[in-house]
Amino acid sequence: KFSEYFDANTYLLITRALDYFDPAR
């Protein structure tokens, strides 16, 4: 179901944004 509507590059971008978030860094 997910592969029918979600964009692969968007998935890469959003998961990387998750990785980077670290206000205490």
PDB file of all heavy atoms in Angstrom:
ATOM      1  N   LYS A   1       0.833  -1.209   0.000  1.00  0.00           N
ATOM      2  CA  LYS A   1       0.000   0.000   0.000  1.00  0.00           C
ATOM      3  C   LYS A   1       0.866   1.256   0.000  1.00  0.00           C
ATOM      4  O   LYS A   1       0.620   2.199  -0.762  1.00  0.00           O
ATOM      5  CB  LYS A   1      -0.920  -0.026   1.228  1.00  0.00           C
ATOM      6  CG  LYS A   1      -1.924   1.114   1.281  1.00  0.00           C
ATOM      7  CD  LYS A   1      -2.946   0.906   2.399  1.00  0.00           C
ATOM      8  CE  LYS A   1      -2.328   1.039   3.764  1.00  0.00           C
ATOM      9  NZ  LYS A   1      -3.348   1.081   4.845  1.00  0.00           N
ATOM     10  N   PHE A   2       1.879   1.269   0.845  1.00  0.00           N
ATOM     11  CA  PHE A   2       2.765   2.428   0.960  1.00  0.00           C
ATOM     12  C   PHE A   2       3.488   2.712  -0.348  1.00  0.00           C
ATOM     13  O   PHE A   2       3.624   3.865  -0.768  1.00  0.00           O
ATOM     14  CB  PHE A   2       3.782   2.155   2.076  1.00  0.00           C
ATOM     15  CG  PHE A   2       4.672   3.305   2.413  1.00  0.00           C
ATOM     16  CD1 PHE A   2       4.185   4.413   3.086  1.00  0.00           C
ATOM     17  CD2 PHE A   2       6.024   3.278   2.092  1.00  0.00           C
ATOM     18  CE1 PHE A   2       5.018   5.472   3.427  1.00  0.00           C
ATOM     19  CE2 PHE A   2       6.865   4.324   2.424  1.00  0.00           C
ATOM     20  CZ  PHE A   2       6.350   5.422   3.093  1.00  0.00           C
ATOM     21  N   SER A   3       3.939   1.651  -1.024  1.00  0.00           N
ATOM     22  CA  SER A   3       4.721   1.820  -2.253  1.00  0.00           C
ATOM     23  C   SER A   3       3.902   2.378  -3.403  1.00  0.00           C
ATOM     24  O   SER A   3       4.470   2.834  -4.405  1.00  0.00           O
ATOM     25  CB  SER A   3       5.347   0.482  -2.666  1.00  0.00           C
ATOM     26  OG  SER A   3       4.362  -0.420  -3.135  1.00  0.00           O
ATOM     27  N   GLU A   4       2.580   2.361  -3.248  1.00  0.00           N
ATOM     28  CA  GLU A   4       1.704   2.875  -4.306  1.00  0.00           C
ATOM     29  C   GLU A   4       1.550   4.394  -4.254  1.00  0.00           C
ATOM     30  O   GLU A   4       1.183   5.014  -5.244  1.00  0.00           O
ATOM     31  CB  GLU A   4       0.319   2.227  -4.200  1.00  0.00           C
ATOM     32  CG  GLU A   4       0.294   0.735  -4.476  1.00  0.00           C
ATOM     33  CD  GLU A   4       0.567   0.397  -5.932  1.00  0.00           C
ATOM     34  OE1 GLU A   4       0.328   1.272  -6.792  1.00  0.00           O
ATOM     35  OE2 GLU A   4       1.034  -0.719  -6.207  1.00  0.00           O
ATOM     36  N   TYR A   5       1.824   4.996  -3.076  1.00  0.00           N
ATOM     37  CA  TYR A   5       1.541   6.432  -2.971  1.00  0.00           C
ATOM     38  C   TYR A   5       2.709   7.280  -2.457  1.00  0.00           C
ATOM     39  O   TYR A   5       2.692   8.505  -2.618  1.00  0.00           O
ATOM     40  CB  TYR A   5       0.318   6.678  -2.084  1.00  0.00           C
ATOM     41  CG  TYR A   5       0.520   6.431  -0.598  1.00  0.00           C
ATOM     42  CD1 TYR A   5       1.054   7.419   0.230  1.00  0.00           C
ATOM     43  CD2 TYR A   5       0.161   5.226  -0.013  1.00  0.00           C
ATOM     44  CE1 TYR A   5       1.230   7.198   1.584  1.00  0.00           C
ATOM     45  CE2 TYR A   5       0.321   4.991   1.342  1.00  0.00           C
ATOM     46  CZ  TYR A   5       0.862   5.985   2.137  1.00  0.00           C
ATOM     47  OH  TYR A   5       1.047   5.767   3.485  1.00  0.00           O
ATOM     48  N   PHE A   6       3.719   6.683  -1.844  1.00  0.00           N
ATOM     49  CA  PHE A   6       4.777   7.499  -1.257  1.00  0.00           C
ATOM     50  C   PHE A   6       5.973   7.594  -2.190  1.00  0.00           C
ATOM     51  O   PHE A   6       6.260   6.669  -2.960  1.00  0.00           O
ATOM     52  CB  PHE A   6       5.212   6.932   0.098  1.00  0.00           C
ATOM     53  CG  PHE A   6       5.747   7.978   1.039  1.00  0.00           C
ATOM     54  CD1 PHE A   6       4.884   8.819   1.709  1.00  0.00           C
ATOM     55  CD2 PHE A   6       7.109   8.125   1.229  1.00  0.00           C
ATOM     56  CE1 PHE A   6       5.371   9.799   2.566  1.00  0.00           C
ATOM     57  CE2 PHE A   6       7.611   9.098   2.082  1.00  0.00           C
ATOM     58  CZ  PHE A   6       6.740   9.932   2.756  1.00  0.00           C
ATOM     59  N   ASP A   7       6.691   8.707  -2.108  1.00  0.00           N
ATOM     60  CA  ASP A   7       7.847   8.947  -2.967  1.00  0.00           C
ATOM     61  C   ASP A   7       9.135   8.492  -2.282  1.00  0.00           C
ATOM     62  O   ASP A   7       9.377   8.812  -1.112  1.00  0.00           O
ATOM     63  CB  ASP A   7       7.939  10.430  -3.310  1.00  0.00           C
ATOM     64  CG  ASP A   7       9.128  10.739  -4.192  1.00  0.00           C
ATOM     65  OD1 ASP A   7       9.134  10.294  -5.350  1.00  0.00           O
ATOM     66  OD2 ASP A   7      10.078  11.390  -3.707  1.00  0.00           O
ATOM     67  N   ALA A   8       9.962   7.775  -3.016  1.00  0.00           N
ATOM     68  CA  ALA A   8      11.186   7.213  -2.449  1.00  0.00           C
ATOM     69  C   ALA A   8      12.171   8.299  -2.005  1.00  0.00           C
ATOM     70  O   ALA A   8      12.776   8.207  -0.929  1.00  0.00           O
ATOM     71  CB  ALA A   8      11.851   6.285  -3.468  1.00  0.00           C
ATOM     72  N   ASN A   9      12.356   9.334  -2.812  1.00  0.00           N
ATOM     73  CA  ASN A   9      13.271  10.410  -2.416  1.00  0.00           C
ATOM     74  C   ASN A   9      12.766  11.158  -1.192  1.00  0.00           C
ATOM     75  O   ASN A   9      13.562  11.580  -0.343  1.00  0.00           O
ATOM     76  CB  ASN A   9      13.477  11.381  -3.582  1.00  0.00           C
ATOM     77  CG  ASN A   9      14.424  10.835  -4.629  1.00  0.00           C
ATOM     78  OD1 ASN A   9      15.496  10.328  -4.318  1.00  0.00           O
ATOM     79  ND2 ASN A   9      14.029  10.926  -5.894  1.00  0.00           N
ATOM     80  N   THR A  10      11.463  11.325  -1.104  1.00  0.00           N
ATOM     81  CA  THR A  10      10.887  11.954   0.081  1.00  0.00           C
ATOM     82  C   THR A  10      11.193  11.129   1.319  1.00  0.00           C
ATOM     83  O   THR A  10      11.517  11.680   2.384  1.00  0.00           O
ATOM     84  CB  THR A  10       9.362  12.125  -0.092  1.00  0.00           C
ATOM     85  OG1 THR A  10       9.121  13.126  -1.083  1.00  0.00           O
ATOM     86  CG2 THR A  10       8.697  12.545   1.209  1.00  0.00           C
ATOM     87  N   TYR A  11      11.098   9.812   1.200  1.00  0.00           N
ATOM     88  CA  TYR A  11      11.398   8.945   2.349  1.00  0.00           C
ATOM     89  C   TYR A  11      12.840   9.155   2.814  1.00  0.00           C
ATOM     90  O   TYR A  11      13.113   9.260   4.022  1.00  0.00           O
ATOM     91  CB  TYR A  11      11.173   7.480   1.986  1.00  0.00           C
ATOM     92  CG  TYR A  11      11.087   6.577   3.192  1.00  0.00           C
ATOM     93  CD1 TYR A  11       9.866   6.216   3.731  1.00  0.00           C
ATOM     94  CD2 TYR A  11      12.239   6.101   3.812  1.00  0.00           C
ATOM     95  CE1 TYR A  11       9.785   5.407   4.858  1.00  0.00           C
ATOM     96  CE2 TYR A  11      12.174   5.300   4.932  1.00  0.00           C
ATOM     97  CZ  TYR A  11      10.945   4.947   5.444  1.00  0.00           C
ATOM     98  OH  TYR A  11      10.882   4.158   6.571  1.00  0.00           O
ATOM     99  N   LEU A  12      13.761   9.237   1.861  1.00  0.00           N
ATOM    100  CA  LEU A  12      15.158   9.465   2.211  1.00  0.00           C
ATOM    101  C   LEU A  12      15.336  10.805   2.915  1.00  0.00           C
ATOM    102  O   LEU A  12      16.045  10.908   3.929  1.00  0.00           O
ATOM    103  CB  LEU A  12      16.037   9.424   0.965  1.00  0.00           C
ATOM    104  CG  LEU A  12      16.000   8.158   0.102  1.00  0.00           C
ATOM    105  CD1 LEU A  12      17.001   8.284  -1.037  1.00  0.00           C
ATOM    106  CD2 LEU A  12      16.273   6.913   0.923  1.00  0.00           C
ATOM    107  N   LEU A  13      14.705  11.843   2.378  1.00  0.00           N
ATOM    108  CA  LEU A  13      14.842  13.181   2.944  1.00  0.00           C
ATOM    109  C   LEU A  13      14.294  13.259   4.369  1.00  0.00           C
ATOM    110  O   LEU A  13      14.929  13.832   5.270  1.00  0.00           O
ATOM    111  CB  LEU A  13      14.105  14.201   2.071  1.00  0.00           C
ATOM    112  CG  LEU A  13      14.734  14.542   0.713  1.00  0.00           C
ATOM    113  CD1 LEU A  13      13.750  15.356  -0.121  1.00  0.00           C
ATOM    114  CD2 LEU A  13      16.034  15.307   0.908  1.00  0.00           C
ATOM    115  N   ILE A  14      13.110  12.703   4.574  1.00  0.00           N
ATOM    116  CA  ILE A  14      12.457  12.852   5.878  1.00  0.00           C
ATOM    117  C   ILE A  14      13.172  12.030   6.946  1.00  0.00           C
ATOM    118  O   ILE A  14      13.346  12.493   8.081  1.00  0.00           O
ATOM    119  CB  ILE A  14      10.962  12.496   5.782  1.00  0.00           C
ATOM    120  CG1 ILE A  14      10.245  13.517   4.883  1.00  0.00           C
ATOM    121  CG2 ILE A  14      10.318  12.475   7.170  1.00  0.00           C
ATOM    122  CD1 ILE A  14       8.756  13.295   4.747  1.00  0.00           C
ATOM    123  N   THR A  15      13.613  10.826   6.595  1.00  0.00           N
ATOM    124  CA  THR A  15      14.329  10.047   7.605  1.00  0.00           C
ATOM    125  C   THR A  15      15.665  10.695   7.946  1.00  0.00           C
ATOM    126  O   THR A  15      16.119  10.635   9.096  1.00  0.00           O
ATOM    127  CB  THR A  15      14.551   8.588   7.154  1.00  0.00           C
ATOM    128  OG1 THR A  15      15.212   8.567   5.885  1.00  0.00           O
ATOM    129  CG2 THR A  15      13.222   7.850   7.060  1.00  0.00           C
ATOM    130  N   ARG A  16      16.305  11.338   6.975  1.00  0.00           N
ATOM    131  CA  ARG A  16      17.553  12.025   7.274  1.00  0.00           C
ATOM    132  C   ARG A  16      17.307  13.254   8.156  1.00  0.00           C
ATOM    133  O   ARG A  16      18.115  13.557   9.058  1.00  0.00           O
ATOM    134  CB  ARG A  16      18.276  12.421   5.986  1.00  0.00           C
ATOM    135  CG  ARG A  16      19.662  12.979   6.227  1.00  0.00           C
ATOM    136  CD  ARG A  16      20.513  12.023   7.054  1.00  0.00           C
ATOM    137  NE  ARG A  16      21.412  11.225   6.261  1.00  0.00           N
ATOM    138  CZ  ARG A  16      22.093  10.187   6.737  1.00  0.00           C
ATOM    139  NH1 ARG A  16      21.958   9.821   8.003  1.00  0.00           N
ATOM    140  NH2 ARG A  16      22.907   9.494   5.966  1.00  0.00           N
ATOM    141  N   ALA A  17      16.203  13.942   7.936  1.00  0.00           N
ATOM    142  CA  ALA A  17      15.851  15.068   8.808  1.00  0.00           C
ATOM    143  C   ALA A  17      15.665  14.591  10.247  1.00  0.00           C
ATOM    144  O   ALA A  17      16.070  15.273  11.199  1.00  0.00           O
ATOM    145  CB  ALA A  17      14.585  15.758   8.295  1.00  0.00           C
ATOM    146  N   LEU A  18      15.058  13.419  10.397  1.00  0.00           N
ATOM    147  CA  LEU A  18      14.936  12.816  11.728  1.00  0.00           C
ATOM    148  C   LEU A  18      16.313  12.588  12.343  1.00  0.00           C
ATOM    149  O   LEU A  18      16.563  12.916  13.513  1.00  0.00           O
ATOM    150  CB  LEU A  18      14.207  11.477  11.620  1.00  0.00           C
ATOM    151  CG  LEU A  18      12.684  11.456  11.739  1.00  0.00           C
ATOM    152  CD1 LEU A  18      12.138  10.150  11.179  1.00  0.00           C
ATOM    153  CD2 LEU A  18      12.259  11.624  13.191  1.00  0.00           C
ATOM    154  N   ASP A  19      17.218  12.012  11.564  1.00  0.00           N
ATOM    155  CA  ASP A  19      18.565  11.713  12.061  1.00  0.00           C
ATOM    156  C   ASP A  19      19.282  12.975  12.538  1.00  0.00           C
ATOM    157  O   ASP A  19      20.000  12.958  13.547  1.00  0.00           O
ATOM    158  CB  ASP A  19      19.420  11.077  10.956  1.00  0.00           C
ATOM    159  CG  ASP A  19      18.931   9.707  10.522  1.00  0.00           C
ATOM    160  OD1 ASP A  19      18.061   9.124  11.197  1.00  0.00           O
ATOM    161  OD2 ASP A  19      19.425   9.216   9.480  1.00  0.00           O
ATOM    162  N   TYR A  20      19.147  14.057  11.787  1.00  0.00           N
ATOM    163  CA  TYR A  20      19.909  15.269  12.061  1.00  0.00           C
ATOM    164  C   TYR A  20      19.391  16.060  13.262  1.00  0.00           C
ATOM    165  O   TYR A  20      20.146  16.826  13.869  1.00  0.00           O
ATOM    166  CB  TYR A  20      19.904  16.189  10.828  1.00  0.00           C
ATOM    167  CG  TYR A  20      20.832  15.786   9.718  1.00  0.00           C
ATOM    168  CD1 TYR A  20      20.593  16.195   8.414  1.00  0.00           C
ATOM    169  CD2 TYR A  20      21.956  15.007   9.947  1.00  0.00           C
ATOM    170  CE1 TYR A  20      21.442  15.844   7.372  1.00  0.00           C
ATOM    171  CE2 TYR A  20      22.812  14.640   8.915  1.00  0.00           C
ATOM    172  CZ  TYR A  20      22.543  15.058   7.633  1.00  0.00           C
ATOM    173  OH  TYR A  20      23.383  14.717   6.608  1.00  0.00           O
ATOM    174  N   PHE A  21      18.120  15.921  13.593  1.00  0.00           N
ATOM    175  CA  PHE A  21      17.558  16.774  14.648  1.00  0.00           C
ATOM    176  C   PHE A  21      18.249  16.495  15.983  1.00  0.00           C
ATOM    177  O   PHE A  21      18.230  15.378  16.493  1.00  0.00           O
ATOM    178  CB  PHE A  21      16.055  16.540  14.789  1.00  0.00           C
ATOM    179  CG  PHE A  21      15.423  17.436  15.830  1.00  0.00           C
ATOM    180  CD1 PHE A  21      15.309  18.796  15.605  1.00  0.00           C
ATOM    181  CD2 PHE A  21      14.959  16.914  17.034  1.00  0.00           C
ATOM    182  CE1 PHE A  21      14.743  19.637  16.561  1.00  0.00           C
ATOM    183  CE2 PHE A  21      14.390  17.733  17.983  1.00  0.00           C
ATOM    184  CZ  PHE A  21      14.283  19.095  17.751  1.00  0.00           C
ATOM    185  N   ASP A  22      18.842  17.515  16.553  1.00  0.00           N
ATOM    186  CA  ASP A  22      19.571  17.369  17.816  1.00  0.00           C
ATOM    187  C   ASP A  22      19.907  18.755  18.356  1.00  0.00           C
ATOM    188  O   ASP A  22      21.037  19.234  18.225  1.00  0.00           O
ATOM    189  CB  ASP A  22      20.852  16.555  17.581  1.00  0.00           C
ATOM    190  CG  ASP A  22      21.586  16.215  18.869  1.00  0.00           C
ATOM    191  OD1 ASP A  22      21.061  16.550  19.962  1.00  0.00           O
ATOM    192  OD2 ASP A  22      22.677  15.625  18.788  1.00  0.00           O
ATOM    193  N   PRO A  23      18.934  19.434  18.954  1.00  0.00           N
ATOM    194  CA  PRO A  23      19.171  20.819  19.383  1.00  0.00           C
ATOM    195  C   PRO A  23      20.268  20.976  20.427  1.00  0.00           C
ATOM    196  O   PRO A  23      20.826  22.061  20.584  1.00  0.00           O
ATOM    197  CB  PRO A  23      17.806  21.251  19.939  1.00  0.00           C
ATOM    198  CG  PRO A  23      17.065  19.987  20.215  1.00  0.00           C
ATOM    199  CD  PRO A  23      17.562  18.999  19.215  1.00  0.00           C
ATOM    200  N   ALA A  24      20.606  19.902  21.132  1.00  0.00           N
ATOM    201  CA  ALA A  24      21.655  20.005  22.149  1.00  0.00           C
ATOM    202  C   ALA A  24      23.053  19.849  21.563  1.00  0.00           C
ATOM    203  O   ALA A  24      24.048  20.073  22.259  1.00  0.00           O
ATOM    204  CB  ALA A  24      21.430  18.943  23.227  1.00  0.00           C
ATOM    205  N   ARG A  25      23.140  19.488  20.303  1.00  0.00           N
ATOM    206  CA  ARG A  25      24.445  19.192  19.694  1.00  0.00           C
ATOM    207  C   ARG A  25      25.404  20.373  19.776  1.00  0.00           C
ATOM    208  O   ARG A  25      26.589  20.205  20.072  1.00  0.00           O
ATOM    209  CB  ARG A  25      24.260  18.759  18.235  1.00  0.00           C
ATOM    210  CG  ARG A  25      25.541  18.301  17.565  1.00  0.00           C
ATOM    211  CD  ARG A  25      25.284  17.777  16.147  1.00  0.00           C
ATOM    212  NE  ARG A  25      26.513  17.347  15.489  1.00  0.00           N
ATOM    213  CZ  ARG A  25      27.071  16.163  15.627  1.00  0.00           C
ATOM    214  NH1 ARG A  25      26.504  15.264  16.407  1.00  0.00           N
ATOM    215  NH2 ARG A  25      28.181  15.849  14.986  1.00  0.00           N
TER     216      ARG A  25
END
